Amino acid sequence: MASETTPGNPETTGADAIDRAIAQGLDFDGSPIPPVKLELYNKVMGLEAGRQRSGVSNTMRSRIVRIGAKHIPQEELNQMLIDANFAPLKDKEIAFYYGGK
């Protein structure tokens, strides 16, 4: 996979773009996020913040798979995981992230 970057709007790109928009209560188009949606989001994120974590490596792998599947072909992501000494893609991950492609 080519590691080519495409410049984008700094307000809508990057890992923190969503968090910044939520904190402002505004969608990327400038429209307000309805309070009921913000309340539910904050409630669920509060629950997640209090959850005991199983380990950094497991969380790293989960994030790599979840986000990588959006950008990287299955075989390539699987090899990248193996090369980095993570467990390869599981059948259920392949079905979930790549099954409809």
Protein backbone atom coordinates (compact mmCIF):
# COMPACT_ATOMS: atom_id res chain seq x y z
CA MET A 1 0.00 0.00 0.00
CA ALA A 2 1.37 3.35 -0.96
CA SER A 3 2.06 5.66 1.93
CA GLU A 4 0.79 8.67 0.06
CA THR A 5 -0.80 11.49 1.99
CA THR A 6 -3.62 13.65 0.77
CA PRO A 7 -3.88 17.08 2.32
CA GLY A 8 -7.27 17.69 3.86
CA ASN A 9 -9.12 20.16 5.96
CA PRO A 10 -7.28 20.20 9.31
CA GLU A 11 -10.65 20.59 11.05
CA THR A 12 -11.90 17.26 9.67
CA THR A 13 -8.74 15.16 9.46
CA GLY A 14 -6.65 13.39 12.02
CA ALA A 15 -7.42 11.23 14.99
CA ASP A 16 -8.63 14.12 17.15
CA ALA A 17 -10.99 15.77 14.63
CA ILE A 18 -14.08 13.99 15.95
CA ASP A 19 -13.19 14.71 19.58
CA ARG A 20 -12.69 18.40 18.81
CA ALA A 21 -16.03 18.60 17.00
CA ILE A 22 -17.85 16.82 19.83
CA ALA A 23 -16.28 19.13 22.41
CA GLN A 24 -17.51 22.10 20.38
CA GLY A 25 -20.93 20.51 19.89
CA LEU A 26 -20.70 21.12 16.15
CA ASP A 27 -20.70 18.74 13.20
CA PHE A 28 -18.14 19.27 10.42
CA ASP A 29 -20.70 21.18 8.36
CA GLY A 30 -21.13 23.66 11.23
CA SER A 31 -24.54 22.41 12.29
CA PRO A 32 -25.09 21.86 16.02
CA ILE A 33 -25.04 18.30 17.31
CA PRO A 34 -28.40 17.69 19.03
CA PRO A 35 -28.08 17.70 22.84
CA VAL A 36 -29.72 14.27 23.14
CA LYS A 37 -26.98 12.78 20.93
CA LEU A 38 -24.24 14.52 22.93
CA GLU A 39 -25.75 13.32 26.22
CA LEU A 40 -25.92 9.70 25.06
CA TYR A 41 -22.38 9.85 23.68
CA ASN A 42 -21.02 11.33 26.90
CA LYS A 43 -22.87 8.75 29.00
CA VAL A 44 -21.47 5.81 27.02
CA MET A 45 -17.95 7.30 26.91
CA GLY A 46 -18.13 7.78 30.68
CA LEU A 47 -18.90 4.09 31.10
CA GLU A 48 -16.00 3.19 28.81
CA ALA A 49 -13.65 5.47 30.73
CA GLY A 50 -14.35 3.47 33.88
CA ARG A 51 -13.77 0.03 32.29
CA GLN A 52 -10.76 -1.98 33.42
CA ARG A 53 -8.28 -2.49 30.57
CA SER A 54 -6.73 -5.84 29.71
CA GLY A 55 -3.45 -4.56 28.33
CA VAL A 56 -1.92 -2.05 25.99
CA SER A 57 -0.80 -4.56 23.37
CA ASN A 58 -4.32 -6.04 23.05
CA THR A 59 -5.82 -2.58 22.67
CA MET A 60 -3.20 -1.58 20.12
CA ARG A 61 -3.97 -4.67 18.03
CA SER A 62 -7.72 -4.04 18.25
CA ARG A 63 -7.29 -0.46 17.06
CA ILE A 64 -4.93 -1.51 14.27
CA VAL A 65 -7.46 -4.07 13.02
CA ARG A 66 -10.51 -1.82 13.38
CA ILE A 67 -8.95 1.17 11.67
CA GLY A 68 -6.55 -0.68 9.38
CA ALA A 69 -9.38 -2.68 7.82
CA LYS A 70 -10.82 0.57 6.47
CA HIS A 71 -7.60 1.40 4.62
CA ILE A 72 -5.56 -1.76 4.06
CA PRO A 73 -6.42 -4.92 2.07
CA GLN A 74 -6.96 -8.04 4.19
CA GLU A 75 -3.86 -9.95 3.13
CA GLU A 76 -1.64 -6.92 3.60
CA LEU A 77 -3.03 -6.08 7.05
CA ASN A 78 -2.69 -9.71 8.11
CA GLN A 79 0.98 -9.77 7.06
CA MET A 80 1.64 -6.45 8.78
CA LEU A 81 0.20 -7.85 12.02
CA ILE A 82 2.36 -10.96 11.76
CA ASP A 83 5.47 -8.90 10.93
CA ALA A 84 4.86 -6.80 14.06
CA ASN A 85 4.49 -9.93 16.24
CA PHE A 86 0.74 -9.48 16.72
CA ALA A 87 -1.71 -12.35 16.27
CA PRO A 88 -2.93 -12.65 12.68
CA LEU A 89 -6.48 -11.72 11.73
CA LYS A 90 -9.08 -13.99 13.30
CA ASP A 91 -11.84 -15.55 11.20
CA LYS A 92 -14.47 -13.44 12.96
CA GLU A 93 -12.49 -10.24 12.24
CA ILE A 94 -12.15 -11.17 8.58
CA ALA A 95 -15.89 -11.88 8.36
CA PHE A 96 -16.79 -8.64 10.14
CA TYR A 97 -14.37 -6.23 8.49
CA TYR A 98 -13.87 -7.82 5.08
CA GLY A 99 -16.94 -10.04 4.59
CA GLY A 100 -18.94 -7.47 2.67
CA LYS A 101 -16.14 -6.36 0.36
